[in-house]
C-alpha cells in the first residue's frame, strides 16, 4: 500500500470537477450567511460550520491523492463513497441550506425566480417521491451489493469520466437519502420516526453484510482491481475496503440511530404531556360540573 503522504497529497490537477462544485456551494452559502449577519438576522455559527465542513470534505476527497489512488485501490474508492454517501450529507443538511435560501434570497429580480423554484420544489410530486424513506434503502442496495457484487463498478471505472460521474451519484443519492433523517428545513414529505428507525436498521444490515463479504472473500471480486499495476495485494486491499464499510460507514448510521431514538422519545414525552394536560382540563371541567350539580341540590 502507498504511504499515507500519497493518500493526503494535494493534487488539484488530477482532481474532480466536483471539487469546483464544492467551492461554489461554500461560496453561495457564505453569501447567504453574510447577508443574514449584515441585516442583523440570526443565523447560527454551528450551522455555517457544519455546512462548510461538508464542503471541505467534498473538496478533500476529490482533490487529494485518494482521488487518483481510487482508480488503483478499491479501498480508496470505498473511502470516497462512504465519505460522500454517509459522512458529508448530514453535515450539509445540518447547515439548513434550504432555510438559508428562503431567508436570504431577495424577493425581487432573479431572487424572485429562485424563490418560486424553491416553493415549487416543496410542492413537487417528484421530490415528495424522491424523499420517501424507501429510496434510501434502494440506494444502499444499488450502491453496495448491486454495484460491486455484479462488478458493474469495474465497467464504470474504465469509462472516461466514469469515476467522476460515480462520485457525483454517490453525493446526490447520499443527500437525498439523508434529508428525511436529518433535515429541519421545510420538506414535501416528513416521515414518521418509526419509518426512520426501520430505514436506519435496514441500511446498517446492508453495510454489515457487504463489509463481511469483502472481508471474507479470498479472491478478487472486481476485475478492474484484480491485476494491480503496483505490487500491492488486491485481496488485502479488498479486506481493507470491507473494514472501512464495517467501521467508517457504520459509525454515521449509529449516530443517526441515536439521534432518531432521542428525537422520537422527546416527541413522545411532549405528546404525552399535552395529552395529560387535555385530560386534566377535561377532568377539572367534569368535577366543576358535578360540584355545580351538588350545589344546586343543596339549594333546593
Protein backbone atom coordinates (compact mmCIF):
# COMPACT_ATOMS: atom_id res chain seq x y z
CA UNK A 1 0.00 0.00 0.00
CA UNK A 2 1.23 3.55 -0.72
CA UNK A 3 2.43 5.61 2.25
CA UNK A 4 -0.02 7.96 3.90
CA UNK A 5 1.59 11.04 2.38
CA UNK A 6 0.50 9.89 -1.11
CA UNK A 7 -3.10 9.49 0.04
CA UNK A 8 -3.27 13.01 1.51
CA UNK A 9 -1.10 14.78 -1.10
CA UNK A 10 -2.85 17.81 -2.62
CA UNK A 11 -3.27 17.10 -6.35
CA UNK A 12 -5.62 19.74 -7.82
CA UNK A 13 -4.60 19.00 -11.43
CA UNK A 14 -5.80 15.40 -11.00
CA UNK A 15 -8.88 16.46 -9.08
CA UNK A 16 -12.54 16.02 -9.94
CA UNK A 17 -14.92 18.72 -11.22
CA UNK A 18 -16.94 18.01 -8.09
CA UNK A 19 -14.26 19.91 -6.14
CA UNK A 20 -15.20 23.07 -8.08
CA UNK A 21 -18.86 22.46 -7.25
CA UNK A 22 -17.95 22.18 -3.56
CA UNK A 23 -16.19 25.56 -3.67
CA UNK A 24 -19.22 27.09 -5.42
CA UNK A 25 -21.59 25.67 -2.81
CA UNK A 26 -19.45 27.06 0.01
CA UNK A 27 -19.33 30.48 -1.67
CA UNK A 28 -23.12 30.62 -2.17
CA UNK A 29 -23.73 29.53 1.42
CA UNK A 30 -21.35 32.16 2.77
CA UNK A 31 -23.05 34.78 0.62
CA UNK A 32 -26.37 33.93 2.31
CA UNK A 33 -24.80 33.81 5.76
CA UNK A 34 -23.09 37.19 5.37
CA UNK A 35 -26.35 38.69 4.09
CA UNK A 36 -28.14 37.44 7.21
CA UNK A 37 -25.50 38.84 9.55
CA UNK A 38 -25.30 42.19 7.73
CA UNK A 39 -29.07 42.59 8.10
CA UNK A 40 -28.81 41.63 11.79
CA UNK A 41 -30.78 38.43 11.38
CA UNK A 42 -29.85 35.47 13.50
CA UNK A 43 -28.04 32.58 11.83
CA UNK A 44 -26.21 30.01 13.95
CA UNK A 45 -22.45 29.75 13.54
CA UNK A 46 -22.77 25.99 14.18
CA UNK A 47 -24.92 25.62 11.06
CA UNK A 48 -22.39 27.52 8.99
CA UNK A 49 -19.50 25.47 10.35
CA UNK A 50 -21.35 22.21 9.64
CA UNK A 51 -22.11 23.09 6.00
CA UNK A 52 -18.61 24.38 5.31
CA UNK A 53 -17.09 21.26 6.88
CA UNK A 54 -19.14 19.16 4.47
CA UNK A 55 -17.87 21.25 1.53
CA UNK A 56 -14.27 20.89 2.75
CA UNK A 57 -14.65 17.10 2.90
CA UNK A 58 -16.04 17.01 -0.64
CA UNK A 59 -13.11 19.11 -1.83
CA UNK A 60 -10.59 16.95 0.06
CA UNK A 61 -11.71 13.53 -1.20
CA UNK A 62 -11.85 14.79 -4.79
CA UNK A 63 -8.53 16.66 -4.94
CA UNK A 64 -6.21 14.80 -2.58
CA UNK A 65 -4.22 11.74 -3.58
CA UNK A 66 -7.05 9.41 -2.61
CA UNK A 67 -8.94 10.56 -5.71
CA UNK A 68 -6.13 9.32 -8.01
CA UNK A 69 -5.38 6.19 -5.99
CA UNK A 70 -9.07 5.22 -6.01
CA UNK A 71 -8.54 4.11 -9.61
CA UNK A 72 -5.94 1.60 -8.41
CA UNK A 73 -7.20 0.67 -4.94
CA UNK A 74 -10.78 -0.37 -4.23
CA UNK A 75 -10.24 0.71 -0.63
CA UNK A 76 -9.66 4.27 -1.90
CA UNK A 77 -12.88 4.21 -3.91
CA UNK A 78 -14.85 2.79 -0.96
CA UNK A 79 -13.40 5.52 1.28
CA UNK A 80 -14.59 8.16 -1.21
CA UNK A 81 -18.00 6.52 -1.45
CA UNK A 82 -18.53 6.34 2.30
CA UNK A 83 -17.43 9.95 2.76
CA UNK A 84 -19.74 11.30 0.05
CA UNK A 85 -22.63 8.93 0.78
CA UNK A 86 -22.85 8.87 4.58
CA UNK A 87 -20.50 11.43 6.15
CA UNK A 88 -20.88 14.57 4.03
CA UNK A 89 -24.71 14.66 3.59
CA UNK A 90 -25.57 15.05 7.32
CA UNK A 91 -23.05 17.91 7.57
CA UNK A 92 -24.57 19.70 4.59
CA UNK A 93 -28.14 19.12 5.75
CA UNK A 94 -27.41 20.23 9.33
CA UNK A 95 -26.43 23.58 7.83
CA UNK A 96 -30.11 24.09 6.80
CA UNK A 97 -29.28 25.41 3.31
CA UNK A 98 -32.94 25.42 2.33
CA UNK A 99 -33.93 27.63 5.23
CA UNK A 100 -31.00 29.94 4.49
CA UNK A 101 -32.05 30.15 0.85
CA UNK A 102 -35.61 31.16 1.77
CA UNK A 103 -34.47 33.76 4.31
CA UNK A 104 -31.57 35.39 2.45
CA UNK A 105 -32.80 35.45 -1.15
CA UNK A 106 -34.21 38.85 -2.23
CA UNK A 107 -37.83 38.94 -3.38
CA UNK A 108 -37.03 40.97 -6.49
CA UNK A 109 -35.32 40.23 -9.81
CA UNK A 110 -33.54 36.89 -10.07
CA UNK A 111 -34.24 36.21 -6.40
CA UNK A 112 -37.97 36.05 -7.11
CA UNK A 113 -37.39 33.28 -9.68
CA UNK A 114 -35.19 31.36 -7.24
CA UNK A 115 -37.85 31.56 -4.53
CA UNK A 116 -40.56 30.46 -6.93
CA UNK A 117 -38.44 27.45 -7.91
CA UNK A 118 -37.84 26.62 -4.22
CA UNK A 119 -41.56 26.80 -3.38
CA UNK A 120 -42.38 24.73 -6.47
CA UNK A 121 -39.95 22.11 -5.19
CA UNK A 122 -41.79 21.95 -1.87
CA UNK A 123 -45.00 21.12 -3.73
CA UNK A 124 -43.33 18.84 -6.27
CA UNK A 125 -44.60 15.26 -6.56
CA UNK A 126 -41.16 14.24 -7.82
CA UNK A 127 -39.37 15.42 -4.68
CA UNK A 128 -42.12 14.00 -2.49
CA UNK A 129 -41.46 10.61 -4.08
CA UNK A 130 -37.66 11.05 -4.02
CA UNK A 131 -37.71 11.76 -0.28
CA UNK A 132 -39.62 8.58 0.53
CA UNK A 133 -37.61 6.55 3.09
CA UNK A 134 -37.69 3.51 0.80
CA UNK A 135 -35.44 5.44 -1.60
CA UNK A 136 -32.63 5.37 0.98
CA UNK A 137 -32.88 1.58 1.25
CA UNK A 138 -32.93 1.15 -2.53
CA UNK A 139 -29.93 3.47 -2.87
CA UNK A 140 -27.97 1.46 -0.30
CA UNK A 141 -28.74 -1.75 -2.18
CA UNK A 142 -27.81 -0.27 -5.57
CA UNK A 143 -24.62 1.43 -4.38
CA UNK A 144 -23.23 -1.51 -2.41
CA UNK A 145 -24.30 -5.06 -3.34
CA UNK A 146 -25.64 -4.33 -6.85
CA UNK A 147 -22.82 -2.01 -7.86
CA UNK A 148 -19.92 -4.05 -6.50
CA UNK A 149 -21.04 -7.67 -6.39
CA UNK A 150 -22.12 -7.62 -10.06
CA UNK A 151 -18.78 -5.98 -10.96
CA UNK A 152 -20.59 -3.05 -12.59
CA UNK A 153 -18.09 -0.94 -10.67
CA UNK A 154 -15.30 -2.18 -12.97
CA UNK A 155 -17.22 -1.18 -16.09
CA UNK A 156 -17.88 2.32 -14.75
CA UNK A 157 -14.29 2.86 -13.63
CA UNK A 158 -13.00 2.01 -17.12
CA UNK A 159 -15.26 4.61 -18.79
CA UNK A 160 -13.75 8.08 -19.32
CA UNK A 161 -15.07 10.37 -16.57
CA UNK A 162 -16.83 7.32 -15.11
CA UNK A 163 -15.09 7.85 -11.78
CA UNK A 164 -16.25 11.48 -11.58
CA UNK A 165 -19.81 10.54 -12.54
CA UNK A 166 -19.80 7.84 -9.86
CA UNK A 167 -18.68 10.29 -7.18
CA UNK A 168 -21.43 12.69 -8.22
CA UNK A 169 -24.05 9.92 -7.95
CA UNK A 170 -22.73 8.96 -4.50
CA UNK A 171 -23.12 12.53 -3.28
CA UNK A 172 -26.57 13.17 -4.77
CA UNK A 173 -28.08 9.90 -3.57
CA UNK A 174 -26.44 10.37 -0.18
CA UNK A 175 -28.08 13.79 0.24
CA UNK A 176 -31.49 12.53 -0.94
CA UNK A 177 -31.28 9.57 1.45
CA UNK A 178 -30.19 11.69 4.41
CA UNK A 179 -32.70 14.54 4.06
CA UNK A 180 -35.64 12.63 5.64
CA UNK A 181 -33.40 11.64 8.57
CA UNK A 182 -31.59 14.91 9.29
CA UNK A 183 -33.33 17.90 7.73
CA UNK A 184 -35.04 20.59 9.79
CA UNK A 185 -35.94 22.53 6.62
CA UNK A 186 -39.48 22.55 5.21
CA UNK A 187 -39.98 19.34 3.24
CA UNK A 188 -42.65 17.97 0.87
CA UNK A 189 -42.62 14.75 2.94
CA UNK A 190 -41.84 14.23 6.64
CA UNK A 191 -41.55 10.52 7.55
CA UNK A 192 -42.54 9.20 10.96
CA UNK A 193 -39.87 8.22 13.47
CA UNK A 194 -40.90 4.56 13.20
CA UNK A 195 -40.22 4.63 9.46
CA UNK A 196 -36.89 6.38 10.01
CA UNK A 197 -35.89 3.73 12.55
CA UNK A 198 -36.66 0.89 10.13
CA UNK A 199 -34.75 2.70 7.38
CA UNK A 200 -31.61 3.06 9.52
CA UNK A 201 -31.68 -0.54 10.75
CA UNK A 202 -32.02 -1.90 7.20
CA UNK A 203 -29.12 0.25 5.98
CA UNK A 204 -26.97 -0.96 8.88
CA UNK A 205 -27.65 -4.57 7.89
CA UNK A 206 -26.80 -3.90 4.23
CA UNK A 207 -23.48 -2.34 5.22
CA UNK A 208 -22.71 -5.18 7.62
CA UNK A 209 -23.35 -7.91 5.03
CA UNK A 210 -21.43 -6.12 2.28
CA UNK A 211 -18.46 -5.44 4.58
CA UNK A 212 -18.41 -9.09 5.66
CA UNK A 213 -18.35 -10.25 2.03
CA UNK A 214 -15.36 -8.02 1.28
CA UNK A 215 -13.54 -9.22 4.39
CA UNK A 216 -14.15 -12.94 3.94
CA UNK A 217 -13.78 -13.37 0.16
CA UNK A 218 -10.40 -14.86 -0.73
CA UNK A 219 -10.46 -14.00 -4.45
CA UNK A 220 -10.62 -10.60 -6.18
CA UNK A 221 -14.22 -9.51 -6.69
CA UNK A 222 -13.54 -6.66 -9.11
CA UNK A 223 -11.87 -7.17 -12.47
CA UNK A 224 -10.72 -3.54 -12.64
CA UNK A 225 -8.68 -4.06 -9.46
CA UNK A 226 -7.71 -7.73 -9.87
CA UNK A 227 -4.42 -7.04 -11.70
CA UNK A 228 -2.79 -4.05 -10.00
CA UNK A 229 -0.02 -2.14 -11.72
CA UNK A 230 1.90 -2.00 -8.46
CA UNK A 231 2.99 -4.73 -6.07
CA UNK A 232 0.10 -4.48 -3.61
CA UNK A 233 -2.15 -7.43 -2.78
CA UNK A 234 -5.70 -6.97 -4.19
CA UNK A 235 -7.10 -9.34 -1.55
CA UNK A 236 -5.63 -7.20 1.24
CA UNK A 237 -6.91 -4.08 -0.48
CA UNK A 238 -10.35 -5.68 -0.67
CA UNK A 239 -10.23 -6.60 3.03
CA UNK A 240 -9.29 -3.03 3.95
CA UNK A 241 -12.32 -1.83 1.97
CA UNK A 242 -14.51 -4.25 3.96
CA UNK A 243 -13.08 -2.94 7.21
CA UNK A 244 -13.92 0.61 6.14
CA UNK A 245 -17.51 -0.43 5.45
CA UNK A 246 -17.77 -2.10 8.87
CA UNK A 247 -16.32 0.88 10.75
CA UNK A 248 -16.23 4.15 8.86
CA UNK A 249 -19.59 3.57 7.10
CA UNK A 250 -21.42 2.21 10.15
CA UNK A 251 -20.45 4.98 12.59
CA UNK A 252 -22.53 7.77 10.97
CA UNK A 253 -25.55 5.44 10.82
CA UNK A 254 -25.22 4.65 14.53
CA UNK A 255 -25.13 8.40 15.22
CA UNK A 256 -28.29 8.82 13.13
CA UNK A 257 -29.91 5.94 15.03
CA UNK A 258 -29.15 7.55 18.39
CA UNK A 259 -30.42 10.95 17.23
CA UNK A 260 -33.57 9.37 15.79
CA UNK A 261 -34.36 7.49 19.01
CA UNK A 262 -33.66 10.61 21.09
CA UNK A 263 -35.97 12.79 18.99
CA UNK A 264 -38.62 10.08 18.98
CA UNK A 265 -38.53 9.86 22.78
CA UNK A 266 -38.65 13.66 23.12
CA UNK A 267 -41.66 13.90 20.83
CA UNK A 268 -43.48 11.09 22.65
CA UNK A 269 -42.86 12.78 26.01
CA UNK A 270 -44.12 16.10 24.64
CA UNK A 271 -47.21 14.44 23.18
CA UNK A 272 -47.83 12.60 26.44
CA UNK A 273 -47.65 15.85 28.43
CA UNK A 274 -50.03 17.60 26.04
CA UNK A 275 -52.47 14.68 26.24
CA UNK A 276 -52.22 14.71 30.03
CA UNK A 277 -52.98 18.45 30.14
CA UNK A 278 -56.05 17.95 27.97
CA UNK A 279 -57.26 15.07 30.15
CA UNK A 280 -56.65 17.11 33.31
CA UNK A 281 -58.60 20.02 31.86
CA UNK A 282 -61.48 17.73 30.92
CA UNK A 283 -61.44 16.18 34.40
CA UNK A 284 -61.46 19.61 36.05
CA UNK A 285 -64.41 20.64 33.88
CA UNK A 286 -66.27 17.47 34.79
CA UNK A 287 -65.56 17.95 38.52
CA UNK A 288 -66.80 21.54 38.31
CA UNK A 289 -69.96 20.25 36.64
CA UNK A 290 -70.53 17.69 39.42
CA UNK A 291 -69.85 20.36 42.06
CA UNK A 292 -72.41 22.69 40.46
CA UNK A 293 -74.96 19.87 40.34
CA UNK A 294 -74.39 19.10 44.01
CA UNK A 295 -74.67 22.78 44.92
CA UNK A 296 -77.98 23.02 43.04
CA UNK A 297 -79.42 20.09 45.00
CA UNK A 298 -78.40 21.64 48.30
CA UNK A 299 -80.10 24.91 47.43
CA UNK A 300 -83.34 23.05 46.77
